[in-house]
């Protein structure tokens, strides 16, 4: 089964924005849950061979997700997403950044990015629309140069595999 029915990744330097559209062969309730539940995010969020491990998650407006991505050599990268404007099973906004293990100290070298994520249902298929806005084109390009497109593409493929294993 080929779950990746549609994928688009667009970089706009003028607006310091990355737009991603990705369709999944899974109903929106299941896709929403995979994007908003720590135990499920831990199964797919990091591009292999990295792994995600959530330290804390409170998915609601005003809540946050603190997690680490750990590589095969033991390198660990901590991240924090602060949630706002959560509309259950429809959309959310999160401000994301690299940070320390406590989540209190943001790595200013990379700045923060704002993720607007929405979910559009079409029966047993769901389109996820993501608009990521950076403070500057320079910050955005720094993420692109780190391999964000390749890594995020792998993570989304991990999510396809998760849905396939469920028989979606």
N, C-alpha and C. Protein backbone atom coordinates (compact mmCIF):
# COMPACT_ATOMS: atom_id res chain seq x y z
N UNK A 1 0.84 -1.18 0.00
CA UNK A 1 0.00 0.00 0.00
C UNK A 1 0.89 1.24 0.00
N UNK A 2 0.57 2.21 -0.83
CA UNK A 2 1.31 3.45 -0.87
C UNK A 2 0.51 4.53 -0.18
N UNK A 3 0.93 4.92 1.02
CA UNK A 3 0.19 5.89 1.81
C UNK A 3 0.44 7.32 1.39
N UNK A 4 1.58 7.59 0.77
CA UNK A 4 1.94 8.96 0.41
C UNK A 4 1.25 9.34 -0.88
N UNK A 5 0.04 9.89 -0.77
CA UNK A 5 -0.73 10.20 -1.95
C UNK A 5 -0.36 11.58 -2.52
N UNK A 6 0.05 12.49 -1.67
CA UNK A 6 0.42 13.82 -2.12
C UNK A 6 1.45 14.38 -1.15
N UNK A 7 2.48 15.02 -1.73
CA UNK A 7 3.50 15.65 -0.90
C UNK A 7 4.02 16.87 -1.64
N UNK A 8 4.06 17.99 -0.93
CA UNK A 8 4.62 19.21 -1.48
C UNK A 8 5.40 19.92 -0.38
N UNK A 9 6.60 20.38 -0.71
CA UNK A 9 7.48 21.08 0.23
C UNK A 9 7.98 22.31 -0.51
N UNK A 10 7.56 23.49 -0.05
CA UNK A 10 7.89 24.74 -0.73
C UNK A 10 8.59 25.68 0.23
N UNK A 11 9.70 26.24 -0.21
CA UNK A 11 10.47 27.21 0.57
C UNK A 11 10.29 28.59 -0.06
N UNK A 12 9.90 29.57 0.75
CA UNK A 12 9.74 30.95 0.28
C UNK A 12 10.65 31.85 1.10
N UNK A 13 11.79 32.21 0.53
CA UNK A 13 12.77 33.04 1.25
C UNK A 13 12.25 34.44 1.52
N UNK A 14 11.43 34.97 0.62
CA UNK A 14 10.91 36.33 0.81
C UNK A 14 10.08 36.46 2.08
N UNK A 15 9.30 35.42 2.39
CA UNK A 15 8.46 35.47 3.60
C UNK A 15 9.02 34.62 4.73
N UNK A 16 10.21 34.04 4.55
CA UNK A 16 10.84 33.17 5.55
C UNK A 16 9.88 32.08 6.00
N UNK A 17 9.28 31.41 5.00
CA UNK A 17 8.23 30.43 5.26
C UNK A 17 8.50 29.14 4.50
N UNK A 18 8.21 28.03 5.18
CA UNK A 18 8.20 26.71 4.54
C UNK A 18 6.76 26.22 4.60
N UNK A 19 6.28 25.74 3.46
CA UNK A 19 4.93 25.17 3.40
C UNK A 19 5.06 23.70 3.03
N UNK A 20 4.37 22.87 3.81
CA UNK A 20 4.37 21.43 3.56
C UNK A 20 2.92 20.97 3.50
N UNK A 21 2.60 20.22 2.46
CA UNK A 21 1.31 19.56 2.38
C UNK A 21 1.59 18.08 2.24
N UNK A 22 0.90 17.29 3.04
CA UNK A 22 1.14 15.84 3.01
C UNK A 22 -0.17 15.12 3.25
N UNK A 23 -0.50 14.21 2.35
CA UNK A 23 -1.72 13.43 2.47
C UNK A 23 -1.39 12.05 3.02
N UNK A 24 -2.29 11.54 3.86
CA UNK A 24 -2.13 10.22 4.46
C UNK A 24 -3.38 9.38 4.21
N UNK A 25 -3.17 8.08 4.05
CA UNK A 25 -4.28 7.14 3.94
C UNK A 25 -4.71 6.72 5.34
N UNK A 26 -5.33 7.66 6.04
CA UNK A 26 -5.82 7.40 7.39
C UNK A 26 -6.87 8.47 7.70
N UNK A 27 -7.88 8.12 8.48
CA UNK A 27 -8.90 9.10 8.84
C UNK A 27 -8.34 10.20 9.73
N UNK A 28 -8.96 11.36 9.67
CA UNK A 28 -8.42 12.54 10.36
C UNK A 28 -8.28 12.34 11.87
N UNK A 29 -9.20 11.62 12.51
CA UNK A 29 -9.08 11.41 13.96
C UNK A 29 -7.78 10.68 14.29
N UNK A 30 -7.41 9.71 13.48
CA UNK A 30 -6.19 8.95 13.71
C UNK A 30 -4.95 9.81 13.41
N UNK A 31 -5.01 10.60 12.35
CA UNK A 31 -3.88 11.47 12.01
C UNK A 31 -3.70 12.53 13.10
N UNK A 32 -4.80 13.13 13.54
CA UNK A 32 -4.74 14.12 14.62
C UNK A 32 -4.08 13.52 15.86
N UNK A 33 -4.52 12.34 16.24
CA UNK A 33 -3.97 11.68 17.43
C UNK A 33 -2.47 11.43 17.28
N UNK A 34 -2.03 11.04 16.08
CA UNK A 34 -0.60 10.76 15.86
C UNK A 34 0.24 12.03 15.98
N UNK A 35 -0.35 13.19 15.69
CA UNK A 35 0.37 14.46 15.76
C UNK A 35 0.29 15.12 17.12
N UNK A 36 -0.57 14.62 18.01
CA UNK A 36 -0.83 15.35 19.26
C UNK A 36 -0.71 14.49 20.52
N UNK A 37 -0.20 13.29 20.40
CA UNK A 37 -0.05 12.37 21.52
C UNK A 37 1.43 11.98 21.64
N UNK A 38 2.02 12.23 22.79
CA UNK A 38 3.46 12.00 22.98
C UNK A 38 3.88 10.58 22.62
N UNK A 39 3.14 9.59 23.08
CA UNK A 39 3.53 8.20 22.84
C UNK A 39 3.55 7.86 21.35
N UNK A 40 2.67 8.50 20.59
CA UNK A 40 2.64 8.26 19.15
C UNK A 40 3.69 9.09 18.43
N UNK A 41 3.87 10.33 18.82
CA UNK A 41 4.93 11.17 18.24
C UNK A 41 6.30 10.50 18.42
N UNK A 42 6.50 9.88 19.57
CA UNK A 42 7.78 9.21 19.84
C UNK A 42 8.05 8.09 18.83
N UNK A 43 7.01 7.57 18.22
CA UNK A 43 7.18 6.46 17.28
C UNK A 43 7.55 6.92 15.86
N UNK A 44 7.31 8.19 15.54
CA UNK A 44 7.55 8.59 14.15
C UNK A 44 8.23 9.94 13.95
N UNK A 45 8.26 10.82 14.91
CA UNK A 45 8.67 12.20 14.69
C UNK A 45 10.12 12.35 14.22
N UNK A 46 11.03 11.60 14.76
CA UNK A 46 12.45 11.75 14.40
C UNK A 46 12.77 10.96 13.14
N UNK A 47 13.60 11.54 12.26
CA UNK A 47 14.02 10.78 11.08
C UNK A 47 15.00 9.68 11.49
N UNK A 48 14.73 8.47 11.03
CA UNK A 48 15.64 7.38 11.35
C UNK A 48 17.02 7.69 10.82
N UNK A 49 18.08 7.36 11.53
CA UNK A 49 18.13 6.48 12.69
C UNK A 49 17.92 7.19 14.03
N UNK A 50 17.54 8.46 14.02
CA UNK A 50 17.25 9.18 15.27
C UNK A 50 15.97 8.65 15.89
N UNK A 51 15.84 8.86 17.19
CA UNK A 51 14.64 8.48 17.93
C UNK A 51 14.16 9.67 18.75
N UNK A 52 12.84 9.77 18.89
CA UNK A 52 12.25 10.82 19.71
C UNK A 52 11.86 10.23 21.05
N UNK A 53 12.10 10.99 22.11
CA UNK A 53 11.68 10.60 23.45
C UNK A 53 11.08 11.83 24.11
N UNK A 54 9.79 11.77 24.37
CA UNK A 54 9.11 12.88 25.04
C UNK A 54 9.44 12.87 26.52
N UNK A 55 9.76 14.04 27.03
CA UNK A 55 9.98 14.20 28.47
C UNK A 55 8.69 14.67 29.14
N UNK A 56 7.97 15.56 28.46
CA UNK A 56 6.72 16.09 29.00
C UNK A 56 5.87 16.61 27.86
N UNK A 57 4.55 16.38 27.96
CA UNK A 57 3.65 16.94 26.96
C UNK A 57 2.33 17.30 27.60
N UNK A 58 1.88 18.50 27.30
CA UNK A 58 0.58 19.00 27.74
C UNK A 58 -0.04 19.66 26.51
N UNK A 59 -0.76 18.85 25.72
CA UNK A 59 -1.28 19.35 24.45
C UNK A 59 -2.61 20.08 24.68
N UNK A 60 -2.49 21.40 24.76
CA UNK A 60 -3.63 22.30 24.90
C UNK A 60 -3.10 23.70 24.67
N UNK A 61 -4.01 24.65 24.43
CA UNK A 61 -3.58 26.04 24.32
C UNK A 61 -2.89 26.42 25.62
N UNK A 62 -1.68 26.91 25.53
CA UNK A 62 -0.90 27.26 26.71
C UNK A 62 -0.01 26.14 27.21
N UNK A 63 -0.14 24.95 26.64
CA UNK A 63 0.69 23.82 27.03
C UNK A 63 1.94 23.73 26.17
N UNK A 64 2.73 22.68 26.39
CA UNK A 64 3.97 22.52 25.61
C UNK A 64 4.35 21.06 25.52
N UNK A 65 5.28 20.79 24.59
CA UNK A 65 5.87 19.46 24.41
C UNK A 65 7.38 19.64 24.50
N UNK A 66 8.01 18.93 25.43
CA UNK A 66 9.45 18.92 25.59
C UNK A 66 9.93 17.52 25.23
N UNK A 67 10.83 17.46 24.24
CA UNK A 67 11.27 16.16 23.76
C UNK A 67 12.73 16.23 23.31
N UNK A 68 13.32 15.06 23.17
CA UNK A 68 14.69 14.95 22.68
C UNK A 68 14.70 14.06 21.44
N UNK A 69 15.57 14.42 20.52
CA UNK A 69 15.87 13.56 19.39
C UNK A 69 17.31 13.07 19.61
N UNK A 70 17.46 11.76 19.68
CA UNK A 70 18.75 11.16 19.98
C UNK A 70 19.23 10.34 18.79
N UNK A 71 20.49 10.58 18.41
CA UNK A 71 21.07 9.89 17.28
C UNK A 71 21.75 8.60 17.68
N UNK A 72 22.16 7.82 16.69
CA UNK A 72 22.78 6.52 16.95
C UNK A 72 24.10 6.61 17.70
N UNK A 73 24.76 7.76 17.66
CA UNK A 73 26.02 7.96 18.37
C UNK A 73 25.80 8.56 19.76
N UNK A 74 24.53 8.71 20.14
CA UNK A 74 24.20 9.25 21.46
C UNK A 74 24.05 10.76 21.50
N UNK A 75 24.20 11.43 20.36
CA UNK A 75 24.00 12.88 20.33
C UNK A 75 22.52 13.18 20.57
N UNK A 76 22.26 14.14 21.44
CA UNK A 76 20.88 14.45 21.83
C UNK A 76 20.59 15.92 21.57
N UNK A 77 19.45 16.16 20.94
CA UNK A 77 19.00 17.51 20.62
C UNK A 77 17.64 17.72 21.27
N UNK A 78 17.57 18.64 22.22
CA UNK A 78 16.33 18.93 22.93
C UNK A 78 15.53 19.99 22.19
N UNK A 79 14.22 19.82 22.21
CA UNK A 79 13.32 20.76 21.54
C UNK A 79 12.09 21.01 22.42
N UNK A 80 11.53 22.20 22.22
CA UNK A 80 10.32 22.56 22.95
C UNK A 80 9.34 23.20 21.96
N UNK A 81 8.10 22.74 22.02
CA UNK A 81 7.01 23.32 21.23
C UNK A 81 5.98 23.87 22.20
N UNK A 82 5.70 25.17 22.10
CA UNK A 82 4.68 25.81 22.94
C UNK A 82 3.41 25.93 22.11
N UNK A 83 2.31 25.34 22.62
CA UNK A 83 1.06 25.27 21.87
C UNK A 83 0.14 26.46 22.15
N UNK A 84 -0.53 26.90 21.09
CA UNK A 84 -1.58 27.92 21.22
C UNK A 84 -2.64 27.64 20.16
N UNK A 85 -3.77 28.25 20.32
CA UNK A 85 -4.84 28.16 19.32
C UNK A 85 -5.17 26.73 18.91
N UNK A 86 -5.33 25.84 19.87
CA UNK A 86 -5.66 24.46 19.56
C UNK A 86 -7.17 24.35 19.32
N UNK A 87 -7.51 23.88 18.13
CA UNK A 87 -8.89 23.56 17.78
C UNK A 87 -8.94 22.06 17.57
N UNK A 88 -9.47 21.31 18.55
CA UNK A 88 -9.40 19.85 18.50
C UNK A 88 -9.80 19.25 17.15
N UNK A 89 -8.94 18.34 16.70
CA UNK A 89 -9.09 17.56 15.48
C UNK A 89 -9.13 18.40 14.21
N UNK A 90 -8.77 19.69 14.32
CA UNK A 90 -8.80 20.57 13.15
C UNK A 90 -7.47 21.27 12.91
N UNK A 91 -6.91 21.93 13.95
CA UNK A 91 -5.70 22.72 13.75
C UNK A 91 -5.06 23.09 15.08
N UNK A 92 -3.79 23.46 14.99
CA UNK A 92 -3.09 24.03 16.14
C UNK A 92 -1.93 24.88 15.66
N UNK A 93 -1.46 25.73 16.58
CA UNK A 93 -0.28 26.54 16.34
C UNK A 93 0.72 26.20 17.43
N UNK A 94 1.99 26.03 17.04
CA UNK A 94 3.04 25.76 18.01
C UNK A 94 4.27 26.59 17.66
N UNK A 95 4.91 27.13 18.68
CA UNK A 95 6.17 27.84 18.50
C UNK A 95 7.26 26.88 18.96
N UNK A 96 8.18 26.54 18.05
CA UNK A 96 9.14 25.48 18.24
C UNK A 96 10.56 26.04 18.33
N UNK A 97 11.40 25.39 19.13
CA UNK A 97 12.79 25.83 19.25
C UNK A 97 13.66 24.71 19.82
N UNK A 98 14.95 24.77 19.48
CA UNK A 98 15.92 23.94 20.19
C UNK A 98 16.11 24.55 21.57
N UNK A 99 16.41 23.71 22.56
CA UNK A 99 16.53 24.20 23.93
C UNK A 99 17.43 23.26 24.73
N UNK A 100 17.53 23.54 26.04
CA UNK A 100 18.26 22.63 26.91
C UNK A 100 17.29 21.57 27.45
N UNK A 101 17.80 20.63 28.23
CA UNK A 101 17.00 19.51 28.73
C UNK A 101 15.83 19.95 29.60
N UNK A 102 15.96 21.10 30.25
CA UNK A 102 14.86 21.59 31.10
C UNK A 102 13.77 22.26 30.27
N UNK A 103 14.11 22.66 29.04
CA UNK A 103 13.17 23.39 28.20
C UNK A 103 13.09 24.86 28.51
N UNK A 104 13.86 25.30 29.50
CA UNK A 104 13.79 26.70 29.94
C UNK A 104 14.69 27.63 29.14
N UNK A 105 15.75 27.10 28.56
CA UNK A 105 16.74 27.94 27.87
C UNK A 105 16.73 27.62 26.38
N UNK A 106 16.21 28.55 25.60
CA UNK A 106 16.10 28.40 24.15
C UNK A 106 17.46 28.68 23.51
N UNK A 107 17.82 27.87 22.52
CA UNK A 107 19.05 28.08 21.76
C UNK A 107 18.81 29.22 20.78
N UNK A 108 19.31 30.40 21.08
CA UNK A 108 19.07 31.60 20.28
C UNK A 108 19.78 31.56 18.93
N UNK A 109 20.77 30.66 18.77
CA UNK A 109 21.46 30.55 17.49
C UNK A 109 20.52 30.14 16.36
N UNK A 110 19.46 29.42 16.71
CA UNK A 110 18.52 28.93 15.71
C UNK A 110 17.18 29.67 15.75
N UNK A 111 16.94 30.44 16.77
CA UNK A 111 15.67 31.15 16.86
C UNK A 111 14.50 30.20 17.05
N UNK A 112 13.32 30.74 16.85
CA UNK A 112 12.10 29.96 16.99
C UNK A 112 11.33 29.98 15.68
N UNK A 113 10.55 28.95 15.47
CA UNK A 113 9.70 28.89 14.28
C UNK A 113 8.26 28.67 14.73
N UNK A 114 7.33 29.25 14.00
CA UNK A 114 5.91 29.09 14.31
C UNK A 114 5.30 28.12 13.31
N UNK A 115 4.71 27.05 13.83
CA UNK A 115 4.08 26.01 13.02
C UNK A 115 2.57 26.16 13.08
N UNK A 116 1.95 26.41 11.96
CA UNK A 116 0.49 26.38 11.82
C UNK A 116 0.16 25.08 11.13
N UNK A 117 -0.50 24.17 11.84
CA UNK A 117 -0.77 22.83 11.33
C UNK A 117 -2.29 22.63 11.28
N UNK A 118 -2.80 22.24 10.12
CA UNK A 118 -4.23 21.97 10.00
C UNK A 118 -4.46 20.62 9.33
N UNK A 119 -5.62 20.06 9.60
CA UNK A 119 -5.97 18.72 9.16
C UNK A 119 -7.29 18.78 8.39
N UNK A 120 -7.25 18.33 7.13
CA UNK A 120 -8.44 18.33 6.30
C UNK A 120 -8.81 16.90 5.95
N UNK A 121 -10.03 16.52 6.32
CA UNK A 121 -10.49 15.15 6.14
C UNK A 121 -11.20 14.98 4.80
N UNK A 122 -10.94 13.83 4.19
CA UNK A 122 -11.68 13.42 3.01
C UNK A 122 -11.90 11.92 3.14
N UNK A 123 -12.86 11.56 3.99
CA UNK A 123 -13.13 10.14 4.23
C UNK A 123 -11.99 9.48 4.98
N UNK A 124 -11.40 8.47 4.35
CA UNK A 124 -10.29 7.74 4.98
C UNK A 124 -8.93 8.32 4.62
N UNK A 125 -8.93 9.52 4.06
CA UNK A 125 -7.68 10.20 3.74
C UNK A 125 -7.67 11.56 4.44
N UNK A 126 -6.47 11.98 4.83
CA UNK A 126 -6.33 13.26 5.52
C UNK A 126 -5.16 14.03 4.93
N UNK A 127 -5.41 15.31 4.63
CA UNK A 127 -4.35 16.20 4.19
C UNK A 127 -3.90 17.01 5.39
N UNK A 128 -2.60 16.99 5.65
CA UNK A 128 -2.02 17.82 6.70
C UNK A 128 -1.34 18.99 6.00
N UNK A 129 -1.74 20.19 6.39
CA UNK A 129 -1.18 21.43 5.83
C UNK A 129 -0.36 22.11 6.92
N UNK A 130 0.90 22.38 6.62
CA UNK A 130 1.81 22.96 7.60
C UNK A 130 2.44 24.21 7.01
N UNK A 131 2.35 25.30 7.75
CA UNK A 131 3.02 26.53 7.37
C UNK A 131 3.96 26.87 8.51
N UNK A 132 5.27 26.88 8.23
CA UNK A 132 6.29 27.14 9.24
C UNK A 132 6.90 28.50 8.92
N UNK A 133 6.79 29.43 9.87
CA UNK A 133 7.32 30.77 9.68
C UNK A 133 8.50 30.99 10.61
N UNK A 134 9.57 31.52 10.06
CA UNK A 134 10.79 31.81 10.81
C UNK A 134 10.92 33.32 11.00
N UNK A 135 11.74 33.71 11.96
CA UNK A 135 11.96 35.14 12.21
C UNK A 135 12.69 35.82 11.05
N UNK A 136 13.48 35.05 10.31
CA UNK A 136 14.22 35.62 9.18
C UNK A 136 14.51 34.52 8.16
N UNK A 137 14.80 34.95 6.94
CA UNK A 137 15.18 34.00 5.90
C UNK A 137 16.48 33.29 6.28
N UNK A 138 17.38 34.00 6.97
CA UNK A 138 18.65 33.39 7.38
C UNK A 138 18.40 32.22 8.34
N UNK A 139 17.50 32.41 9.31
CA UNK A 139 17.19 31.32 10.23
C UNK A 139 16.56 30.15 9.48
N UNK A 140 15.65 30.44 8.58
CA UNK A 140 15.00 29.38 7.81
C UNK A 140 16.04 28.60 7.01
N UNK A 141 16.93 29.31 6.33
CA UNK A 141 17.94 28.65 5.51
C UNK A 141 18.90 27.81 6.35
N UNK A 142 19.14 28.23 7.58
CA UNK A 142 19.99 27.44 8.48
C UNK A 142 19.35 26.06 8.71
N UNK A 143 18.02 26.01 8.91
CA UNK A 143 17.32 24.74 9.09
C UNK A 143 17.34 23.92 7.80
N UNK A 144 17.13 24.57 6.68
CA UNK A 144 17.16 23.87 5.40
C UNK A 144 18.53 23.24 5.19
N UNK A 145 19.59 23.99 5.50
CA UNK A 145 20.96 23.48 5.33
C UNK A 145 21.27 22.32 6.27
N UNK A 146 20.60 22.28 7.43
CA UNK A 146 20.77 21.16 8.36
C UNK A 146 20.11 19.88 7.85
N UNK A 147 19.34 20.00 6.78
CA UNK A 147 18.67 18.82 6.23
C UNK A 147 17.22 18.68 6.65
N UNK A 148 16.58 19.81 6.97
CA UNK A 148 15.20 19.75 7.45
C UNK A 148 14.27 19.05 6.46
N UNK A 149 14.36 19.38 5.18
CA UNK A 149 13.46 18.75 4.20
C UNK A 149 13.65 17.24 4.19
N UNK A 150 14.88 16.79 4.11
CA UNK A 150 15.16 15.36 4.06
C UNK A 150 14.71 14.67 5.35
N UNK A 151 15.03 15.28 6.49
CA UNK A 151 14.66 14.68 7.77
C UNK A 151 13.16 14.62 7.98
N UNK A 152 12.47 15.71 7.65
CA UNK A 152 11.02 15.75 7.84
C UNK A 152 10.33 14.78 6.88
N UNK A 153 10.87 14.64 5.67
CA UNK A 153 10.32 13.68 4.72
C UNK A 153 10.43 12.26 5.27
N UNK A 154 11.56 11.94 5.87
CA UNK A 154 11.74 10.62 6.48
C UNK A 154 10.75 10.43 7.62
N UNK A 155 10.60 11.44 8.46
CA UNK A 155 9.66 11.33 9.59
C UNK A 155 8.24 11.10 9.09
N UNK A 156 7.83 11.80 8.05
CA UNK A 156 6.48 11.61 7.51
C UNK A 156 6.31 10.20 6.92
N UNK A 157 7.38 9.66 6.36
CA UNK A 157 7.35 8.28 5.89
C UNK A 157 7.21 7.32 7.07
N UNK A 158 7.86 7.64 8.20
CA UNK A 158 7.68 6.85 9.42
C UNK A 158 6.21 6.82 9.81
N UNK A 159 5.53 7.96 9.67
CA UNK A 159 4.11 8.03 10.01
C UNK A 159 3.29 7.18 9.06
N UNK A 160 3.63 7.18 7.78
CA UNK A 160 2.97 6.26 6.82
C UNK A 160 3.06 4.83 7.31
N UNK A 161 4.26 4.43 7.72
CA UNK A 161 4.49 3.06 8.18
C UNK A 161 3.67 2.75 9.41
N UNK A 162 3.54 3.72 10.31
CA UNK A 162 2.71 3.54 11.50
C UNK A 162 1.25 3.27 11.10
N UNK A 163 0.72 4.07 10.17
CA UNK A 163 -0.66 3.88 9.72
C UNK A 163 -0.83 2.54 9.00
N UNK A 164 0.15 2.17 8.19
CA UNK A 164 0.09 0.89 7.50
C UNK A 164 0.07 -0.27 8.48
N UNK A 165 0.86 -0.18 9.55
CA UNK A 165 0.89 -1.25 10.55
C UNK A 165 -0.44 -1.38 11.26
N UNK A 166 -1.17 -0.27 11.38
CA UNK A 166 -2.50 -0.31 11.98
C UNK A 166 -3.56 -0.83 11.02
N UNK A 167 -3.19 -0.93 9.75
CA UNK A 167 -4.15 -1.38 8.74
C UNK A 167 -5.05 -0.27 8.24
N UNK A 168 -4.59 0.98 8.38
CA UNK A 168 -5.39 2.12 7.91
C UNK A 168 -5.38 2.21 6.41
